[in-house]
mmCIF file of all heavy atoms, coordinates in Angstrom:
data_MODEL
# 
_entry.id   MODEL 
# 
loop_
_atom_site.group_PDB 
_atom_site.id 
_atom_site.type_symbol 
_atom_site.label_atom_id 
_atom_site.label_alt_id 
_atom_site.label_comp_id 
_atom_site.label_asym_id 
_atom_site.label_entity_id 
_atom_site.label_seq_id 
_atom_site.pdbx_PDB_ins_code 
_atom_site.Cartn_x 
_atom_site.Cartn_y 
_atom_site.Cartn_z 
_atom_site.occupancy 
_atom_site.B_iso_or_equiv 
_atom_site.pdbx_formal_charge 
_atom_site.auth_seq_id 
_atom_site.auth_comp_id 
_atom_site.auth_asym_id 
_atom_site.auth_atom_id 
_atom_site.pdbx_PDB_model_num 
ATOM 1   N N   . ARG A 1 1  ? -22.113 2.409  13.139 1.00 0.00 ? 1  ARG A N   1 
ATOM 2   C CA  . ARG A 1 1  ? -22.566 2.728  14.498 1.00 0.00 ? 1  ARG A CA  1 
ATOM 3   C C   . ARG A 1 1  ? -22.779 4.232  14.652 1.00 0.00 ? 1  ARG A C   1 
ATOM 4   O O   . ARG A 1 1  ? -23.773 4.676  15.228 1.00 0.00 ? 1  ARG A O   1 
ATOM 5   C CB  . ARG A 1 1  ? -21.555 2.226  15.525 1.00 0.00 ? 1  ARG A CB  1 
ATOM 6   C CG  . ARG A 1 1  ? -22.070 2.312  16.947 1.00 0.00 ? 1  ARG A CG  1 
ATOM 7   C CD  . ARG A 1 1  ? -21.134 1.707  17.977 1.00 0.00 ? 1  ARG A CD  1 
ATOM 8   N NE  . ARG A 1 1  ? -20.515 0.476  17.532 1.00 0.00 ? 1  ARG A NE  1 
ATOM 9   C CZ  . ARG A 1 1  ? -19.203 0.259  17.506 1.00 0.00 ? 1  ARG A CZ  1 
ATOM 10  N NH1 . ARG A 1 1  ? -18.358 1.182  17.910 1.00 0.00 ? 1  ARG A NH1 1 
ATOM 11  N NH2 . ARG A 1 1  ? -18.714 -0.888 17.090 1.00 0.00 ? 1  ARG A NH2 1 
ATOM 12  N N   . ALA A 1 2  ? -21.843 5.027  14.135 1.00 0.00 ? 2  ALA A N   1 
ATOM 13  C CA  . ALA A 1 2  ? -21.958 6.481  14.252 1.00 0.00 ? 2  ALA A CA  1 
ATOM 14  C C   . ALA A 1 2  ? -23.134 7.016  13.443 1.00 0.00 ? 2  ALA A C   1 
ATOM 15  O O   . ALA A 1 2  ? -23.724 8.026  13.801 1.00 0.00 ? 2  ALA A O   1 
ATOM 16  C CB  . ALA A 1 2  ? -20.663 7.142  13.791 1.00 0.00 ? 2  ALA A CB  1 
ATOM 17  N N   . GLY A 1 3  ? -23.489 6.331  12.360 1.00 0.00 ? 3  GLY A N   1 
ATOM 18  C CA  . GLY A 1 3  ? -24.633 6.748  11.537 1.00 0.00 ? 3  GLY A CA  1 
ATOM 19  C C   . GLY A 1 3  ? -25.970 6.494  12.195 1.00 0.00 ? 3  GLY A C   1 
ATOM 20  O O   . GLY A 1 3  ? -26.985 7.056  11.789 1.00 0.00 ? 3  GLY A O   1 
ATOM 21  N N   . GLY A 1 4  ? -25.994 5.644  13.205 1.00 0.00 ? 4  GLY A N   1 
ATOM 22  C CA  . GLY A 1 4  ? -27.207 5.420  13.984 1.00 0.00 ? 4  GLY A CA  1 
ATOM 23  C C   . GLY A 1 4  ? -28.391 4.853  13.223 1.00 0.00 ? 4  GLY A C   1 
ATOM 24  O O   . GLY A 1 4  ? -29.530 5.064  13.608 1.00 0.00 ? 4  GLY A O   1 
ATOM 25  N N   . GLY A 1 5  ? -28.143 4.138  12.138 1.00 0.00 ? 5  GLY A N   1 
ATOM 26  C CA  . GLY A 1 5  ? -29.241 3.552  11.373 1.00 0.00 ? 5  GLY A CA  1 
ATOM 27  C C   . GLY A 1 5  ? -29.770 4.435  10.271 1.00 0.00 ? 5  GLY A C   1 
ATOM 28  O O   . GLY A 1 5  ? -30.650 4.043  9.516  1.00 0.00 ? 5  GLY A O   1 
ATOM 29  N N   . SER A 1 6  ? -29.244 5.642  10.161 1.00 0.00 ? 6  SER A N   1 
ATOM 30  C CA  . SER A 1 6  ? -29.673 6.564  9.117  1.00 0.00 ? 6  SER A CA  1 
ATOM 31  C C   . SER A 1 6  ? -28.754 6.409  7.898  1.00 0.00 ? 6  SER A C   1 
ATOM 32  O O   . SER A 1 6  ? -27.543 6.651  8.001  1.00 0.00 ? 6  SER A O   1 
ATOM 33  C CB  . SER A 1 6  ? -29.581 8.009  9.623  1.00 0.00 ? 6  SER A CB  1 
ATOM 34  O OG  . SER A 1 6  ? -29.685 8.915  8.546  1.00 0.00 ? 6  SER A OG  1 
ATOM 35  N N   . PRO A 1 7  ? -29.297 6.009  6.753  1.00 0.00 ? 7  PRO A N   1 
ATOM 36  C CA  . PRO A 1 7  ? -28.461 5.889  5.555  1.00 0.00 ? 7  PRO A CA  1 
ATOM 37  C C   . PRO A 1 7  ? -27.779 7.210  5.187  1.00 0.00 ? 7  PRO A C   1 
ATOM 38  O O   . PRO A 1 7  ? -26.604 7.229  4.836  1.00 0.00 ? 7  PRO A O   1 
ATOM 39  C CB  . PRO A 1 7  ? -29.435 5.446  4.462  1.00 0.00 ? 7  PRO A CB  1 
ATOM 40  C CG  . PRO A 1 7  ? -30.548 4.789  5.202  1.00 0.00 ? 7  PRO A CG  1 
ATOM 41  C CD  . PRO A 1 7  ? -30.652 5.531  6.502  1.00 0.00 ? 7  PRO A CD  1 
ATOM 42  N N   . ARG A 1 8  ? -28.492 8.304  5.277  1.00 0.00 ? 8  ARG A N   1 
ATOM 43  C CA  . ARG A 1 8  ? -27.919 9.604  4.925  1.00 0.00 ? 8  ARG A CA  1 
ATOM 44  C C   . ARG A 1 8  ? -26.736 9.943  5.824  1.00 0.00 ? 8  ARG A C   1 
ATOM 45  O O   . ARG A 1 8  ? -25.674 10.343 5.348  1.00 0.00 ? 8  ARG A O   1 
ATOM 46  C CB  . ARG A 1 8  ? -28.977 10.693 5.037  1.00 0.00 ? 8  ARG A CB  1 
ATOM 47  C CG  . ARG A 1 8  ? -28.443 12.074 4.655  1.00 0.00 ? 8  ARG A CG  1 
ATOM 48  C CD  . ARG A 1 8  ? -29.365 13.166 5.085  1.00 0.00 ? 8  ARG A CD  1 
ATOM 49  N NE  . ARG A 1 8  ? -29.423 13.168 6.545  1.00 0.00 ? 8  ARG A NE  1 
ATOM 50  C CZ  . ARG A 1 8  ? -30.365 13.765 7.246  1.00 0.00 ? 8  ARG A CZ  1 
ATOM 51  N NH1 . ARG A 1 8  ? -31.330 14.406 6.639  1.00 0.00 ? 8  ARG A NH1 1 
ATOM 52  N NH2 . ARG A 1 8  ? -30.358 13.741 8.560  1.00 0.00 ? 8  ARG A NH2 1 
ATOM 53  N N   . ASP A 1 9  ? -26.889 9.765  7.130  1.00 0.00 ? 9  ASP A N   1 
ATOM 54  C CA  . ASP A 1 9  ? -25.818 10.085 8.064  1.00 0.00 ? 9  ASP A CA  1 
ATOM 55  C C   . ASP A 1 9  ? -24.625 9.145  7.894  1.00 0.00 ? 9  ASP A C   1 
ATOM 56  O O   . ASP A 1 9  ? -23.473 9.571  7.955  1.00 0.00 ? 9  ASP A O   1 
ATOM 57  C CB  . ASP A 1 9  ? -26.323 10.031 9.505  1.00 0.00 ? 9  ASP A CB  1 
ATOM 58  C CG  . ASP A 1 9  ? -27.334 11.129 9.807  1.00 0.00 ? 9  ASP A CG  1 
ATOM 59  O OD1 . ASP A 1 9  ? -27.458 12.067 8.995  1.00 0.00 ? 9  ASP A OD1 1 
ATOM 60  O OD2 . ASP A 1 9  ? -27.992 11.035 10.859 1.00 0.00 ? 9  ASP A OD2 1 
ATOM 61  N N   . THR A 1 10 ? -24.897 7.865  7.672  1.00 0.00 ? 10 THR A N   1 
ATOM 62  C CA  . THR A 1 10 ? -23.824 6.896  7.481  1.00 0.00 ? 10 THR A CA  1 
ATOM 63  C C   . THR A 1 10 ? -23.016 7.216  6.239  1.00 0.00 ? 10 THR A C   1 
ATOM 64  O O   . THR A 1 10 ? -21.784 7.234  6.273  1.00 0.00 ? 10 THR A O   1 
ATOM 65  C CB  . THR A 1 10 ? -24.400 5.471  7.398  1.00 0.00 ? 10 THR A CB  1 
ATOM 66  O OG1 . THR A 1 10 ? -25.135 5.191  8.594  1.00 0.00 ? 10 THR A OG1 1 
ATOM 67  C CG2 . THR A 1 10 ? -23.311 4.435  7.218  1.00 0.00 ? 10 THR A CG2 1 
ATOM 68  N N   . LEU A 1 11 ? -23.688 7.501  5.139  1.00 0.00 ? 11 LEU A N   1 
ATOM 69  C CA  . LEU A 1 11 ? -22.982 7.822  3.897  1.00 0.00 ? 11 LEU A CA  1 
ATOM 70  C C   . LEU A 1 11 ? -22.245 9.151  4.004  1.00 0.00 ? 11 LEU A C   1 
ATOM 71  O O   . LEU A 1 11 ? -21.167 9.311  3.440  1.00 0.00 ? 11 LEU A O   1 
ATOM 72  C CB  . LEU A 1 11 ? -23.949 7.829  2.718  1.00 0.00 ? 11 LEU A CB  1 
ATOM 73  C CG  . LEU A 1 11 ? -24.532 6.472  2.351  1.00 0.00 ? 11 LEU A CG  1 
ATOM 74  C CD1 . LEU A 1 11 ? -25.544 6.617  1.222  1.00 0.00 ? 11 LEU A CD1 1 
ATOM 75  C CD2 . LEU A 1 11 ? -23.438 5.485  1.979  1.00 0.00 ? 11 LEU A CD2 1 
ATOM 76  N N   . SER A 1 12 ? -22.788 10.089 4.734  1.00 0.00 ? 12 SER A N   1 
ATOM 77  C CA  . SER A 1 12 ? -22.121 11.368 4.941  1.00 0.00 ? 12 SER A CA  1 
ATOM 78  C C   . SER A 1 12 ? -20.825 11.177 5.722  1.00 0.00 ? 12 SER A C   1 
ATOM 79  O O   . SER A 1 12 ? -19.783 11.752 5.375  1.00 0.00 ? 12 SER A O   1 
ATOM 80  C CB  . SER A 1 12 ? -23.051 12.329 5.679  1.00 0.00 ? 12 SER A CB  1 
ATOM 81  O OG  . SER A 1 12 ? -22.399 13.534 5.958  1.00 0.00 ? 12 SER A OG  1 
ATOM 82  N N   . LEU A 1 13 ? -20.866 10.370 6.775  1.00 0.00 ? 13 LEU A N   1 
ATOM 83  C CA  . LEU A 1 13 ? -19.661 10.079 7.560  1.00 0.00 ? 13 LEU A CA  1 
ATOM 84  C C   . LEU A 1 13 ? -18.613 9.357  6.718  1.00 0.00 ? 13 LEU A C   1 
ATOM 85  O O   . LEU A 1 13 ? -17.423 9.691  6.760  1.00 0.00 ? 13 LEU A O   1 
ATOM 86  C CB  . LEU A 1 13 ? -20.009 9.235  8.783  1.00 0.00 ? 13 LEU A CB  1 
ATOM 87  C CG  . LEU A 1 13 ? -20.794 9.950  9.874  1.00 0.00 ? 13 LEU A CG  1 
ATOM 88  C CD1 . LEU A 1 13 ? -21.386 8.940  10.843 1.00 0.00 ? 13 LEU A CD1 1 
ATOM 89  C CD2 . LEU A 1 13 ? -19.898 10.931 10.592 1.00 0.00 ? 13 LEU A CD2 1 
ATOM 90  N N   . LEU A 1 14 ? -19.048 8.389  5.940  1.00 0.00 ? 14 LEU A N   1 
ATOM 91  C CA  . LEU A 1 14 ? -18.122 7.657  5.084  1.00 0.00 ? 14 LEU A CA  1 
ATOM 92  C C   . LEU A 1 14 ? -17.504 8.595  4.053  1.00 0.00 ? 14 LEU A C   1 
ATOM 93  O O   . LEU A 1 14 ? -16.295 8.547  3.805  1.00 0.00 ? 14 LEU A O   1 
ATOM 94  C CB  . LEU A 1 14 ? -18.841 6.494  4.400  1.00 0.00 ? 14 LEU A CB  1 
ATOM 95  C CG  . LEU A 1 14 ? -17.994 5.619  3.492  1.00 0.00 ? 14 LEU A CG  1 
ATOM 96  C CD1 . LEU A 1 14 ? -16.852 4.981  4.264  1.00 0.00 ? 14 LEU A CD1 1 
ATOM 97  C CD2 . LEU A 1 14 ? -18.864 4.560  2.828  1.00 0.00 ? 14 LEU A CD2 1 
ATOM 98  N N   . ASP A 1 15 ? -18.304 9.469  3.487  1.00 0.00 ? 15 ASP A N   1 
ATOM 99  C CA  . ASP A 1 15 ? -17.813 10.435 2.507  1.00 0.00 ? 15 ASP A CA  1 
ATOM 100 C C   . ASP A 1 15 ? -16.765 11.356 3.128  1.00 0.00 ? 15 ASP A C   1 
ATOM 101 O O   . ASP A 1 15 ? -15.739 11.662 2.504  1.00 0.00 ? 15 ASP A O   1 
ATOM 102 C CB  . ASP A 1 15 ? -18.982 11.241 1.951  1.00 0.00 ? 15 ASP A CB  1 
ATOM 103 C CG  . ASP A 1 15 ? -18.573 12.147 0.811  1.00 0.00 ? 15 ASP A CG  1 
ATOM 104 O OD1 . ASP A 1 15 ? -17.790 11.700 -0.055 1.00 0.00 ? 15 ASP A OD1 1 
ATOM 105 O OD2 . ASP A 1 15 ? -19.036 13.299 0.780  1.00 0.00 ? 15 ASP A OD2 1 
ATOM 106 N N   . GLN A 1 16 ? -16.994 11.802 4.337  1.00 0.00 ? 16 GLN A N   1 
ATOM 107 C CA  . GLN A 1 16 ? -16.025 12.660 5.020  1.00 0.00 ? 16 GLN A CA  1 
ATOM 108 C C   . GLN A 1 16 ? -14.709 11.926 5.268  1.00 0.00 ? 16 GLN A C   1 
ATOM 109 O O   . GLN A 1 16 ? -13.626 12.506 5.102  1.00 0.00 ? 16 GLN A O   1 
ATOM 110 C CB  . GLN A 1 16 ? -16.599 13.157 6.342  1.00 0.00 ? 16 GLN A CB  1 
ATOM 111 C CG  . GLN A 1 16 ? -17.730 14.148 6.179  1.00 0.00 ? 16 GLN A CG  1 
ATOM 112 C CD  . GLN A 1 16 ? -18.359 14.503 7.510  1.00 0.00 ? 16 GLN A CD  1 
ATOM 113 O OE1 . GLN A 1 16 ? -17.676 14.635 8.510  1.00 0.00 ? 16 GLN A OE1 1 
ATOM 114 N NE2 . GLN A 1 16 ? -19.689 14.622 7.516  1.00 0.00 ? 16 GLN A NE2 1 
ATOM 115 N N   . LEU A 1 17 ? -14.792 10.659 5.651  1.00 0.00 ? 17 LEU A N   1 
ATOM 116 C CA  . LEU A 1 17 ? -13.579 9.883  5.867  1.00 0.00 ? 17 LEU A CA  1 
ATOM 117 C C   . LEU A 1 17 ? -12.812 9.682  4.558  1.00 0.00 ? 17 LEU A C   1 
ATOM 118 O O   . LEU A 1 17 ? -11.585 9.789  4.526  1.00 0.00 ? 17 LEU A O   1 
ATOM 119 C CB  . LEU A 1 17 ? -13.908 8.520  6.474  1.00 0.00 ? 17 LEU A CB  1 
ATOM 120 C CG  . LEU A 1 17 ? -14.195 8.504  7.958  1.00 0.00 ? 17 LEU A CG  1 
ATOM 121 C CD1 . LEU A 1 17 ? -14.658 7.110  8.389  1.00 0.00 ? 17 LEU A CD1 1 
ATOM 122 C CD2 . LEU A 1 17 ? -12.976 8.915  8.742  1.00 0.00 ? 17 LEU A CD2 1 
ATOM 123 N N   . ILE A 1 18 ? -13.527 9.396  3.497  1.00 0.00 ? 18 ILE A N   1 
ATOM 124 C CA  . ILE A 1 18 ? -12.882 9.204  2.196  1.00 0.00 ? 18 ILE A CA  1 
ATOM 125 C C   . ILE A 1 18 ? -12.224 10.497 1.736  1.00 0.00 ? 18 ILE A C   1 
ATOM 126 O O   . ILE A 1 18 ? -11.083 10.493 1.265  1.00 0.00 ? 18 ILE A O   1 
ATOM 127 C CB  . ILE A 1 18 ? -13.901 8.695  1.155  1.00 0.00 ? 18 ILE A CB  1 
ATOM 128 C CG1 . ILE A 1 18 ? -14.334 7.267  1.500  1.00 0.00 ? 18 ILE A CG1 1 
ATOM 129 C CG2 . ILE A 1 18 ? -13.320 8.754  -0.253 1.00 0.00 ? 18 ILE A CG2 1 
ATOM 130 C CD1 . ILE A 1 18 ? -15.505 6.759  0.692  1.00 0.00 ? 18 ILE A CD1 1 
ATOM 131 N N   . ALA A 1 19 ? -12.919 11.609 1.894  1.00 0.00 ? 19 ALA A N   1 
ATOM 132 C CA  . ALA A 1 19 ? -12.377 12.900 1.460  1.00 0.00 ? 19 ALA A CA  1 
ATOM 133 C C   . ALA A 1 19 ? -11.119 13.277 2.226  1.00 0.00 ? 19 ALA A C   1 
ATOM 134 O O   . ALA A 1 19 ? -10.218 13.907 1.667  1.00 0.00 ? 19 ALA A O   1 
ATOM 135 C CB  . ALA A 1 19 ? -13.437 13.990 1.618  1.00 0.00 ? 19 ALA A CB  1 
ATOM 136 N N   . GLY A 1 20 ? -11.020 12.874 3.473  1.00 0.00 ? 20 GLY A N   1 
ATOM 137 C CA  . GLY A 1 20 ? -9.869  13.228 4.291  1.00 0.00 ? 20 GLY A CA  1 
ATOM 138 C C   . GLY A 1 20 ? -8.779  12.172 4.317  1.00 0.00 ? 20 GLY A C   1 
ATOM 139 O O   . GLY A 1 20 ? -7.800  12.319 5.038  1.00 0.00 ? 20 GLY A O   1 
ATOM 140 N N   . SER A 1 21 ? -8.934  11.123 3.530  1.00 0.00 ? 21 SER A N   1 
ATOM 141 C CA  . SER A 1 21 ? -7.966  10.028 3.545  1.00 0.00 ? 21 SER A CA  1 
ATOM 142 C C   . SER A 1 21 ? -6.868  10.231 2.512  1.00 0.00 ? 21 SER A C   1 
ATOM 143 O O   . SER A 1 21 ? -7.027  10.970 1.547  1.00 0.00 ? 21 SER A O   1 
ATOM 144 C CB  . SER A 1 21 ? -8.670  8.698  3.289  1.00 0.00 ? 21 SER A CB  1 
ATOM 145 O OG  . SER A 1 21 ? -9.521  8.394  4.363  1.00 0.00 ? 21 SER A OG  1 
ATOM 146 N N   . ASP A 1 22 ? -5.782  9.531  2.750  1.00 0.00 ? 22 ASP A N   1 
ATOM 147 C CA  . ASP A 1 22 ? -4.641  9.596  1.847  1.00 0.00 ? 22 ASP A CA  1 
ATOM 148 C C   . ASP A 1 22 ? -4.830  8.628  0.684  1.00 0.00 ? 22 ASP A C   1 
ATOM 149 O O   . ASP A 1 22 ? -5.609  7.693  0.757  1.00 0.00 ? 22 ASP A O   1 
ATOM 150 C CB  . ASP A 1 22 ? -3.360  9.239  2.605  1.00 0.00 ? 22 ASP A CB  1 
ATOM 151 C CG  . ASP A 1 22 ? -3.092  10.209 3.742  1.00 0.00 ? 22 ASP A CG  1 
ATOM 152 O OD1 . ASP A 1 22 ? -3.348  11.413 3.560  1.00 0.00 ? 22 ASP A OD1 1 
ATOM 153 O OD2 . ASP A 1 22 ? -2.637  9.752  4.815  1.00 0.00 ? 22 ASP A OD2 1 
ATOM 154 N N   . ARG A 1 23 ? -4.054  8.895  -0.367 1.00 0.00 ? 23 ARG A N   1 
ATOM 155 C CA  . ARG A 1 23 ? -4.056  8.006  -1.527 1.00 0.00 ? 23 ARG A CA  1 
ATOM 156 C C   . ARG A 1 23 ? -2.715  7.294  -1.602 1.00 0.00 ? 23 ARG A C   1 
ATOM 157 O O   . ARG A 1 23 ? -1.703  7.835  -1.202 1.00 0.00 ? 23 ARG A O   1 
ATOM 158 C CB  . ARG A 1 23 ? -4.308  8.804  -2.802 1.00 0.00 ? 23 ARG A CB  1 
ATOM 159 C CG  . ARG A 1 23 ? -5.691  9.423  -2.829 1.00 0.00 ? 23 ARG A CG  1 
ATOM 160 C CD  . ARG A 1 23 ? -5.915  10.212 -4.106 1.00 0.00 ? 23 ARG A CD  1 
ATOM 161 N NE  . ARG A 1 23 ? -7.274  10.716 -4.145 1.00 0.00 ? 23 ARG A NE  1 
ATOM 162 C CZ  . ARG A 1 23 ? -8.302  10.046 -4.662 1.00 0.00 ? 23 ARG A CZ  1 
ATOM 163 N NH1 . ARG A 1 23 ? -8.128  8.862  -5.197 1.00 0.00 ? 23 ARG A NH1 1 
ATOM 164 N NH2 . ARG A 1 23 ? -9.499  10.570 -4.674 1.00 0.00 ? 23 ARG A NH2 1 
ATOM 165 N N   . ASP A 1 24 ? -2.734  6.084  -2.155 1.00 0.00 ? 24 ASP A N   1 
ATOM 166 C CA  . ASP A 1 24 ? -1.483  5.350  -2.309 1.00 0.00 ? 24 ASP A CA  1 
ATOM 167 C C   . ASP A 1 24 ? -0.805  5.727  -3.625 1.00 0.00 ? 24 ASP A C   1 
ATOM 168 O O   . ASP A 1 24 ? -1.259  6.617  -4.344 1.00 0.00 ? 24 ASP A O   1 
ATOM 169 C CB  . ASP A 1 24 ? -1.717  3.839  -2.189 1.00 0.00 ? 24 ASP A CB  1 
ATOM 170 C CG  . ASP A 1 24 ? -2.607  3.275  -3.281 1.00 0.00 ? 24 ASP A CG  1 
ATOM 171 O OD1 . ASP A 1 24 ? -2.885  3.981  -4.266 1.00 0.00 ? 24 ASP A OD1 1 
ATOM 172 O OD2 . ASP A 1 24 ? -3.023  2.112  -3.143 1.00 0.00 ? 24 ASP A OD2 1 
ATOM 173 N N   . ALA A 1 25 ? 0.258   5.037  -3.963 1.00 0.00 ? 25 ALA A N   1 
ATOM 174 C CA  . ALA A 1 25 ? 1.028   5.347  -5.168 1.00 0.00 ? 25 ALA A CA  1 
ATOM 175 C C   . ALA A 1 25 ? 0.211   5.175  -6.444 1.00 0.00 ? 25 ALA A C   1 
ATOM 176 O O   . ALA A 1 25 ? 0.464   5.843  -7.448 1.00 0.00 ? 25 ALA A O   1 
ATOM 177 C CB  . ALA A 1 25 ? 2.271   4.467  -5.224 1.00 0.00 ? 25 ALA A CB  1 
ATOM 178 N N   . ASP A 1 26 ? -0.779  4.295  -6.408 1.00 0.00 ? 26 ASP A N   1 
ATOM 179 C CA  . ASP A 1 26 ? -1.636  4.062  -7.582 1.00 0.00 ? 26 ASP A CA  1 
ATOM 180 C C   . ASP A 1 26 ? -2.883  4.933  -7.579 1.00 0.00 ? 26 ASP A C   1 
ATOM 181 O O   . ASP A 1 26 ? -3.816  4.682  -8.330 1.00 0.00 ? 26 ASP A O   1 
ATOM 182 C CB  . ASP A 1 26 ? -2.039  2.588  -7.651 1.00 0.00 ? 26 ASP A CB  1 
ATOM 183 C CG  . ASP A 1 26 ? -0.850  1.669  -7.825 1.00 0.00 ? 26 ASP A CG  1 
ATOM 184 O OD1 . ASP A 1 26 ? 0.094   2.067  -8.541 1.00 0.00 ? 26 ASP A OD1 1 
ATOM 185 O OD2 . ASP A 1 26 ? -0.864  0.559  -7.244 1.00 0.00 ? 26 ASP A OD2 1 
ATOM 186 N N   . ASP A 1 27 ? -2.921  5.928  -6.694 1.00 0.00 ? 27 ASP A N   1 
ATOM 187 C CA  . ASP A 1 27 ? -4.026  6.877  -6.572 1.00 0.00 ? 27 ASP A CA  1 
ATOM 188 C C   . ASP A 1 27 ? -5.321  6.232  -6.075 1.00 0.00 ? 27 ASP A C   1 
ATOM 189 O O   . ASP A 1 27 ? -6.415  6.665  -6.409 1.00 0.00 ? 27 ASP A O   1 
ATOM 190 C CB  . ASP A 1 27 ? -4.260  7.614  -7.890 1.00 0.00 ? 27 ASP A CB  1 
ATOM 191 C CG  . ASP A 1 27 ? -4.960  8.949  -7.673 1.00 0.00 ? 27 ASP A CG  1 
ATOM 192 O OD1 . ASP A 1 27 ? -4.684  9.607  -6.650 1.00 0.00 ? 27 ASP A OD1 1 
ATOM 193 O OD2 . ASP A 1 27 ? -5.793  9.334  -8.526 1.00 0.00 ? 27 ASP A OD2 1 
ATOM 194 N N   . HIS A 1 28 ? -5.194  5.166  -5.258 1.00 0.00 ? 28 HIS A N   1 
ATOM 195 C CA  . HIS A 1 28 ? -6.357  4.551  -4.635 1.00 0.00 ? 28 HIS A CA  1 
ATOM 196 C C   . HIS A 1 28 ? -6.505  5.106  -3.219 1.00 0.00 ? 28 HIS A C   1 
ATOM 197 O O   . HIS A 1 28 ? -5.518  5.316  -2.524 1.00 0.00 ? 28 HIS A O   1 
ATOM 198 C CB  . HIS A 1 28 ? -6.199  3.031  -4.569 1.00 0.00 ? 28 HIS A CB  1 
ATOM 199 C CG  . HIS A 1 28 ? -6.198  2.390  -5.911 1.00 0.00 ? 28 HIS A CG  1 
ATOM 200 N ND1 . HIS A 1 28 ? -5.054  1.900  -6.485 1.00 0.00 ? 28 HIS A ND1 1 
ATOM 201 C CD2 . HIS A 1 28 ? -7.193  2.185  -6.800 1.00 0.00 ? 28 HIS A CD2 1 
ATOM 202 C CE1 . HIS A 1 28 ? -5.347  1.404  -7.664 1.00 0.00 ? 28 HIS A CE1 1 
ATOM 203 N NE2 . HIS A 1 28 ? -6.644  1.565  -7.887 1.00 0.00 ? 28 HIS A NE2 1 
# 
């Protein structure tokens, strides 16, 4: 929804969330 139909914007938002997320004990 936040990407508004733009693949570039959607993937950029997802990438930012992944980069700022924590990892579990198995490094996932």
